[in-house]
Amino acid sequence: MRAPNVLLADELLEKAFRRMKKATVKGTRNRGKKLALLKAQIFSEIIVSNLEKYVREFPSIDKIHRFFSELIDIKLGKGKVKKSLGAVNWASKLCRRIAREEMEDIRRASSREDIAFHLRRIFGRISSVVKQIGDDLERLREVSNFINNLPSIDNLPTIVIAGYPNVGKSSLLRKLSRAKPEINIYPFTTKSIHVGHLFLDGKKYQIIDTPGLLDRPLERRNKIERQAIAALNYLADVIIFMLDPTGHCGYGIEEQINLLQQLKETFSVPFIIIENKSDISKRPSPYIKVSCMTGEGIDKLLERMREILNSKNNKL
């Protein structure tokens, strides 16, 4: 999924004026009128063709994978994106009509003054329309950059890692796959989705590290948390829920258990519950103990993943 590179209003106008200035015509008969028509054609065509390209090549938000559609809505608002695409489409049609009208006036012009007047009018009128949609072009550029930097999601069975911020989700992803997410030590370190892959019994699986979640209602979740919810909702075949019993993450174990219960009530997929930092904490519990620092317990986690994934594969 790729989106077109979107020029801002001033950049698009600068491109059109720069190309237009290179226009030349041969011969001397009606040279002024021919040159004006050529300049008008080049200028307007650069504007119109670019605007049409943005509308034509932009991925349809309603037709792409629902996970990506949800991310775009979280980040920028699907309604605003559609409105901006509509404004650009309107501008492209209006600019084409302006060009047609003014070029016809240039053809009928009988003096240099009239030719120059209508050439200035085509520049001015089209420039005004382009500037009028300046905010829309800026929004579409932001959406385009966002789309083109989205992670590549494969059509594979997917394990999603969830939990509170700073419990070690990114460290676990590094242990289980070849992905190398940036790891920091403050809440909401993961501000986007990270994707890795692993092989179990010769089968390839996708594993996703999500931003940290807090124990609170959906309507109070911020944009970072809502990315994690989207991944759980649209991608997860298995959820690894990670606990930090040490409290070093900045949150108590009761808060983390409350979040776990909330997610189990929301998503009807298998859960694997693990406790990280087993090299520090040895508290008794029914959960798999791992240490992303030493690697302790990772084999047990992989074995549990293998059992669940094989069971799901056998049901297909």
Protein backbone atom coordinates (compact mmCIF):
# COMPACT_ATOMS: atom_id res chain seq x y z
CA MET A 1 0.00 0.00 0.00
CA ARG A 2 1.55 3.25 -1.18
CA ALA A 3 0.26 6.81 -1.28
CA PRO A 4 1.44 9.50 -3.73
CA ASN A 5 3.98 12.12 -2.74
CA VAL A 6 1.89 15.26 -2.12
CA LEU A 7 3.27 18.73 -2.81
CA LEU A 8 2.11 21.59 -0.61
CA ALA A 9 0.38 24.55 -2.26
CA ASP A 10 3.49 26.74 -2.58
CA GLU A 11 5.58 23.80 -3.77
CA LEU A 12 3.05 22.88 -6.45
CA LEU A 13 2.79 26.46 -7.70
CA GLU A 14 6.57 26.84 -7.72
CA LYS A 15 6.87 23.65 -9.79
CA ALA A 16 4.28 24.91 -12.29
CA PHE A 17 5.88 28.36 -12.65
CA ARG A 18 9.34 26.85 -13.01
CA ARG A 19 8.23 24.51 -15.82
CA MET A 20 6.23 27.29 -17.49
CA LYS A 21 9.24 29.63 -17.67
CA LYS A 22 11.07 27.12 -19.84
CA ALA A 23 8.43 27.33 -22.59
CA THR A 24 9.64 28.36 -26.07
CA VAL A 25 8.05 28.50 -29.52
CA LYS A 26 9.54 28.63 -33.00
CA GLY A 27 8.74 31.09 -35.76
CA THR A 28 7.66 34.72 -35.64
CA ARG A 29 4.01 34.63 -36.76
CA ASN A 30 1.69 35.12 -33.75
CA ARG A 31 4.65 34.24 -31.60
CA GLY A 32 3.37 36.18 -28.55
CA LYS A 33 -0.01 34.47 -28.58
CA LYS A 34 1.48 31.01 -29.17
CA LEU A 35 3.93 31.48 -26.32
CA ALA A 36 1.19 32.69 -23.98
CA LEU A 37 -0.99 29.68 -24.86
CA LEU A 38 1.91 27.30 -24.30
CA LYS A 39 2.73 28.88 -20.95
CA ALA A 40 -0.92 28.71 -19.89
CA GLN A 41 -1.14 25.09 -20.97
CA ILE A 42 2.03 24.01 -19.16
CA PHE A 43 1.16 25.89 -15.98
CA SER A 44 -2.41 24.61 -15.76
CA GLU A 45 -1.54 21.05 -16.77
CA ILE A 46 1.12 20.75 -14.05
CA ILE A 47 -1.42 21.87 -11.46
CA VAL A 48 -4.34 19.79 -12.70
CA SER A 49 -2.37 16.60 -13.38
CA ASN A 50 -0.85 16.64 -9.90
CA LEU A 51 -4.17 17.27 -8.17
CA GLU A 52 -5.84 14.52 -10.21
CA LYS A 53 -2.97 12.16 -9.37
CA TYR A 54 -3.43 12.71 -5.64
CA VAL A 55 -7.11 11.80 -5.85
CA ARG A 56 -6.60 8.90 -8.26
CA GLU A 57 -3.65 7.23 -6.52
CA PHE A 58 -4.66 7.70 -2.89
CA PRO A 59 -5.61 4.35 -1.32
CA SER A 60 -9.31 4.07 -0.61
CA ILE A 61 -9.57 4.17 3.18
CA ASP A 62 -12.77 2.10 3.04
CA LYS A 63 -11.14 -0.67 0.98
CA ILE A 64 -7.76 -1.16 2.67
CA HIS A 65 -7.21 -3.59 5.55
CA ARG A 66 -9.41 -2.57 8.46
CA PHE A 67 -6.38 -2.39 10.74
CA PHE A 68 -4.73 0.26 8.54
CA SER A 69 -8.04 2.07 8.11
CA GLU A 70 -8.37 2.20 11.89
CA LEU A 71 -4.81 3.52 12.31
CA ILE A 72 -5.49 6.31 9.81
CA ASP A 73 -8.70 7.18 11.65
CA ILE A 74 -6.86 7.23 14.99
CA LYS A 75 -4.02 9.34 13.66
CA LEU A 76 -5.83 11.82 11.41
CA GLY A 77 -9.54 11.09 11.18
CA LYS A 78 -11.01 9.30 8.16
CA GLY A 79 -13.70 11.94 7.71
CA LYS A 80 -11.13 14.73 7.47
CA VAL A 81 -9.06 12.76 4.95
CA LYS A 82 -12.09 12.13 2.75
CA LYS A 83 -13.07 15.80 2.96
CA SER A 84 -9.59 16.86 1.87
CA LEU A 85 -9.63 14.44 -1.06
CA GLY A 86 -12.99 15.89 -2.07
CA ALA A 87 -11.59 19.43 -1.89
CA VAL A 88 -8.61 18.49 -4.08
CA ASN A 89 -10.91 16.82 -6.59
CA TRP A 90 -13.07 19.97 -6.70
CA ALA A 91 -9.96 22.14 -7.19
CA SER A 92 -8.64 20.03 -10.06
CA LYS A 93 -11.92 20.37 -11.97
CA LEU A 94 -12.16 24.10 -11.30
CA CYS A 95 -8.56 24.71 -12.40
CA ARG A 96 -9.18 22.80 -15.62
CA ARG A 97 -12.27 24.94 -16.32
CA ILE A 98 -10.38 28.16 -15.56
CA ALA A 99 -7.60 27.11 -17.93
CA ARG A 100 -10.08 26.34 -20.70
CA GLU A 101 -11.86 29.68 -20.30
CA GLU A 102 -8.75 31.85 -20.13
CA MET A 103 -6.98 30.06 -22.97
CA GLU A 104 -10.03 30.63 -25.16
CA ASP A 105 -9.85 34.35 -24.27
CA ILE A 106 -6.16 34.37 -25.20
CA ARG A 107 -6.99 32.85 -28.59
CA ARG A 108 -9.55 35.60 -29.21
CA ALA A 109 -7.31 38.39 -27.93
CA SER A 110 -6.35 40.99 -30.56
CA SER A 111 -3.60 42.84 -28.71
CA ARG A 112 -0.53 42.11 -26.63
CA GLU A 113 -2.17 43.80 -23.69
CA ASP A 114 -5.20 41.47 -23.83
CA ILE A 115 -2.96 38.42 -24.17
CA ALA A 116 -0.89 39.47 -21.16
CA PHE A 117 -4.03 40.27 -19.17
CA HIS A 118 -5.57 36.83 -19.65
CA LEU A 119 -2.26 35.08 -19.03
CA ARG A 120 -1.99 36.89 -15.71
CA ARG A 121 -5.60 35.94 -14.96
CA ILE A 122 -4.97 32.25 -15.48
CA PHE A 123 -1.96 32.41 -13.15
CA GLY A 124 -3.87 34.39 -10.55
CA ARG A 125 -7.13 32.43 -10.61
CA ILE A 126 -5.48 29.00 -10.50
CA SER A 127 -3.01 30.11 -7.84
CA SER A 128 -5.93 31.32 -5.73
CA VAL A 129 -7.68 27.94 -6.00
CA VAL A 130 -4.51 26.04 -5.08
CA LYS A 131 -3.93 28.25 -2.04
CA GLN A 132 -7.55 27.76 -1.04
CA ILE A 133 -6.90 24.02 -0.60
CA GLY A 134 -3.55 24.56 1.12
CA ASP A 135 -4.72 23.00 4.39
CA ASP A 136 -6.13 20.00 2.52
CA LEU A 137 -2.85 19.40 0.68
CA GLU A 138 -1.01 19.65 3.98
CA ARG A 139 -3.33 17.06 5.52
CA LEU A 140 -2.96 14.72 2.55
CA ARG A 141 0.81 14.98 2.75
CA GLU A 142 0.66 14.02 6.41
CA VAL A 143 -1.60 11.06 5.59
CA SER A 144 0.63 10.04 2.70
CA ASN A 145 3.74 10.07 4.87
CA PHE A 146 1.88 8.11 7.55
CA ILE A 147 0.67 5.47 5.07
CA ASN A 148 4.07 5.07 3.45
CA ASN A 149 5.67 4.49 6.85
CA LEU A 150 3.14 1.96 8.11
CA PRO A 151 4.60 -1.45 8.99
CA SER A 152 4.26 -4.23 6.47
CA ILE A 153 1.58 -6.61 7.73
CA ASP A 154 1.61 -10.08 6.17
CA ASN A 155 -1.33 -12.42 5.83
CA LEU A 156 0.08 -14.80 8.44
CA PRO A 157 -1.07 -16.15 11.81
CA THR A 158 -0.24 -13.33 14.19
CA ILE A 159 0.83 -13.12 17.83
CA VAL A 160 0.29 -9.73 19.46
CA ILE A 161 2.19 -8.74 22.61
CA ALA A 162 0.18 -6.55 24.98
CA GLY A 163 0.51 -5.11 28.46
CA TYR A 164 1.23 -1.98 30.44
CA PRO A 165 3.95 0.45 29.31
CA ASN A 166 7.54 -0.47 30.10
CA VAL A 167 6.86 -4.09 31.10
CA GLY A 168 9.31 -5.38 28.46
CA LYS A 169 7.19 -5.98 25.35
CA SER A 170 9.80 -4.62 22.93
CA SER A 171 12.50 -6.68 24.65
CA LEU A 172 10.38 -9.78 24.22
CA LEU A 173 9.89 -9.05 20.53
CA ARG A 174 13.67 -8.90 20.15
CA LYS A 175 14.01 -12.25 21.91
CA LEU A 176 11.40 -13.95 19.75
CA SER A 177 12.23 -12.46 16.35
CA ARG A 178 14.83 -10.56 14.39
CA ALA A 179 12.99 -7.23 14.81
CA LYS A 180 15.04 -4.53 16.52
CA PRO A 181 12.61 -2.01 18.06
CA GLU A 182 13.97 0.95 19.97
CA ILE A 183 13.83 0.28 23.69
CA ASN A 184 13.65 3.06 26.31
CA ILE A 185 12.72 3.16 29.98
CA TYR A 186 9.78 5.54 30.23
CA PRO A 187 6.03 5.01 29.75
CA PHE A 188 4.68 4.74 26.21
CA THR A 189 8.14 4.13 24.77
CA THR A 190 6.57 2.26 21.86
CA LYS A 191 4.58 4.92 20.01
CA SER A 192 3.80 2.75 16.99
CA ILE A 193 3.47 -0.87 15.93
CA HIS A 194 6.61 -3.00 15.52
CA VAL A 195 6.49 -6.20 13.47
CA GLY A 196 8.76 -9.24 13.54
CA HIS A 197 8.61 -12.86 12.39
CA LEU A 198 9.49 -16.22 13.88
CA PHE A 199 9.47 -19.82 12.70
CA LEU A 200 8.02 -22.69 14.70
CA ASP A 201 8.13 -26.22 13.28
CA GLY A 202 8.93 -24.79 9.86
CA LYS A 203 5.90 -22.49 9.87
CA LYS A 204 6.24 -18.71 9.68
CA TYR A 205 4.36 -16.51 12.14
CA GLN A 206 4.03 -12.79 12.57
CA ILE A 207 4.65 -11.22 15.97
CA ILE A 208 3.68 -7.65 16.82
CA ASP A 209 4.78 -5.40 19.67
CA THR A 210 2.12 -2.84 20.57
CA PRO A 211 2.15 0.42 22.53
CA GLY A 212 1.47 0.12 26.24
CA LEU A 213 -2.09 0.12 27.56
CA LEU A 214 -3.49 1.46 30.81
CA ASP A 215 -6.43 0.12 32.79
CA ARG A 216 -9.09 2.59 31.70
CA PRO A 217 -12.16 2.75 29.41
CA LEU A 218 -11.69 2.96 25.64
CA GLU A 219 -13.05 6.51 25.44
CA ARG A 220 -10.25 7.68 27.74
CA ARG A 221 -7.45 5.99 25.82
CA ASN A 222 -5.05 8.21 23.89
CA LYS A 223 -4.04 7.74 20.26
CA ILE A 224 -1.02 5.63 21.20
CA GLU A 225 -3.14 3.19 23.23
CA ARG A 226 -5.78 2.99 20.51
CA GLN A 227 -3.14 1.66 18.09
CA ALA A 228 -2.63 -1.29 20.44
CA ILE A 229 -6.39 -1.90 20.65
CA ALA A 230 -6.60 -1.86 16.84
CA ALA A 231 -3.84 -4.47 16.57
CA LEU A 232 -5.57 -6.69 19.13
CA ASN A 233 -8.92 -6.27 17.42
CA TYR A 234 -7.94 -6.80 13.77
CA LEU A 235 -4.72 -8.83 13.81
CA ALA A 236 -4.38 -11.04 16.87
CA ASP A 237 -4.74 -14.81 16.58
CA VAL A 238 -2.94 -15.20 19.91
CA ILE A 239 -2.29 -12.55 22.58
CA ILE A 240 0.79 -12.67 24.81
CA PHE A 241 -0.05 -10.57 27.85
CA MET A 242 3.03 -9.49 29.74
CA LEU A 243 3.09 -8.67 33.43
CA ASP A 244 5.83 -6.97 35.45
CA PRO A 245 5.40 -8.14 39.05
CA THR A 246 8.34 -6.04 40.27
CA GLY A 247 6.53 -2.72 39.83
CA HIS A 248 9.62 -1.31 38.09
CA CYS A 249 7.39 -0.41 35.14
CA GLY A 250 5.71 2.18 37.37
CA TYR A 251 2.43 0.31 37.76
CA GLY A 252 1.23 -2.16 40.38
CA ILE A 253 0.43 -5.79 39.63
CA GLU A 254 -3.25 -5.31 40.54
CA GLU A 255 -3.63 -2.62 37.85
CA GLN A 256 -2.01 -4.95 35.35
CA ILE A 257 -4.28 -7.87 36.30
CA ASN A 258 -7.32 -5.58 35.93
CA LEU A 259 -6.21 -4.71 32.40
CA LEU A 260 -5.70 -8.40 31.62
CA GLN A 261 -9.25 -9.22 32.73
CA GLN A 262 -10.62 -6.34 30.69
CA LEU A 263 -8.86 -7.57 27.54
CA LYS A 264 -9.91 -11.20 28.10
CA GLU A 265 -13.53 -10.05 28.28
CA THR A 266 -13.10 -8.06 25.06
CA PHE A 267 -11.11 -10.37 22.76
CA SER A 268 -12.06 -14.01 22.19
CA VAL A 269 -8.64 -15.36 21.20
CA PRO A 270 -6.20 -17.52 23.20
CA PHE A 271 -4.13 -15.66 25.82
CA ILE A 272 -0.66 -16.59 27.00
CA ILE A 273 0.08 -14.81 30.27
CA ILE A 274 3.70 -14.31 31.20
CA GLU A 275 5.57 -12.57 33.99
CA ASN A 276 8.74 -10.77 32.95
CA LYS A 277 11.85 -10.07 35.06
CA SER A 278 11.99 -13.52 36.62
CA ASP A 279 15.66 -12.84 37.28
CA ILE A 280 14.45 -10.30 39.88
CA SER A 281 11.04 -11.51 41.05
CA LYS A 282 10.33 -15.10 42.15
CA ARG A 283 6.74 -14.66 43.34
CA PRO A 284 4.49 -17.72 43.09
CA SER A 285 1.85 -17.51 40.36
CA PRO A 286 0.33 -19.73 37.66
CA TYR A 287 1.91 -17.71 34.84
CA ILE A 288 4.95 -18.50 32.71
CA LYS A 289 8.05 -16.83 34.16
CA VAL A 290 10.48 -15.24 31.70
CA SER A 291 13.39 -12.87 31.77
CA CYS A 292 14.00 -10.83 28.66
CA MET A 293 17.34 -9.91 30.20
CA THR A 294 18.73 -13.45 30.68
CA GLY A 295 16.49 -15.43 28.33
CA GLU A 296 15.13 -17.54 31.17
CA GLY A 297 11.73 -19.05 30.39
CA ILE A 298 11.72 -18.15 26.69
CA ASP A 299 11.83 -21.86 25.77
CA LYS A 300 8.71 -22.49 27.90
CA LEU A 301 6.97 -19.57 26.23
CA LEU A 302 7.85 -20.88 22.77
CA GLU A 303 6.55 -24.33 23.70
CA ARG A 304 3.23 -22.85 24.86
CA MET A 305 3.01 -20.79 21.66
CA ARG A 306 3.69 -23.95 19.65
CA GLU A 307 0.88 -25.83 21.41
CA ILE A 308 -1.69 -23.09 20.81
CA LEU A 309 -0.68 -22.37 17.22
CA ASN A 310 -0.62 -26.06 16.27
CA SER A 311 -4.04 -26.48 17.83
CA LYS A 312 -5.36 -23.53 15.79
CA ASN A 313 -3.70 -24.86 12.61
CA ASN A 314 -5.32 -28.26 13.09
CA LYS A 315 -8.74 -26.63 13.26
CA LEU A 316 -8.33 -24.84 9.92
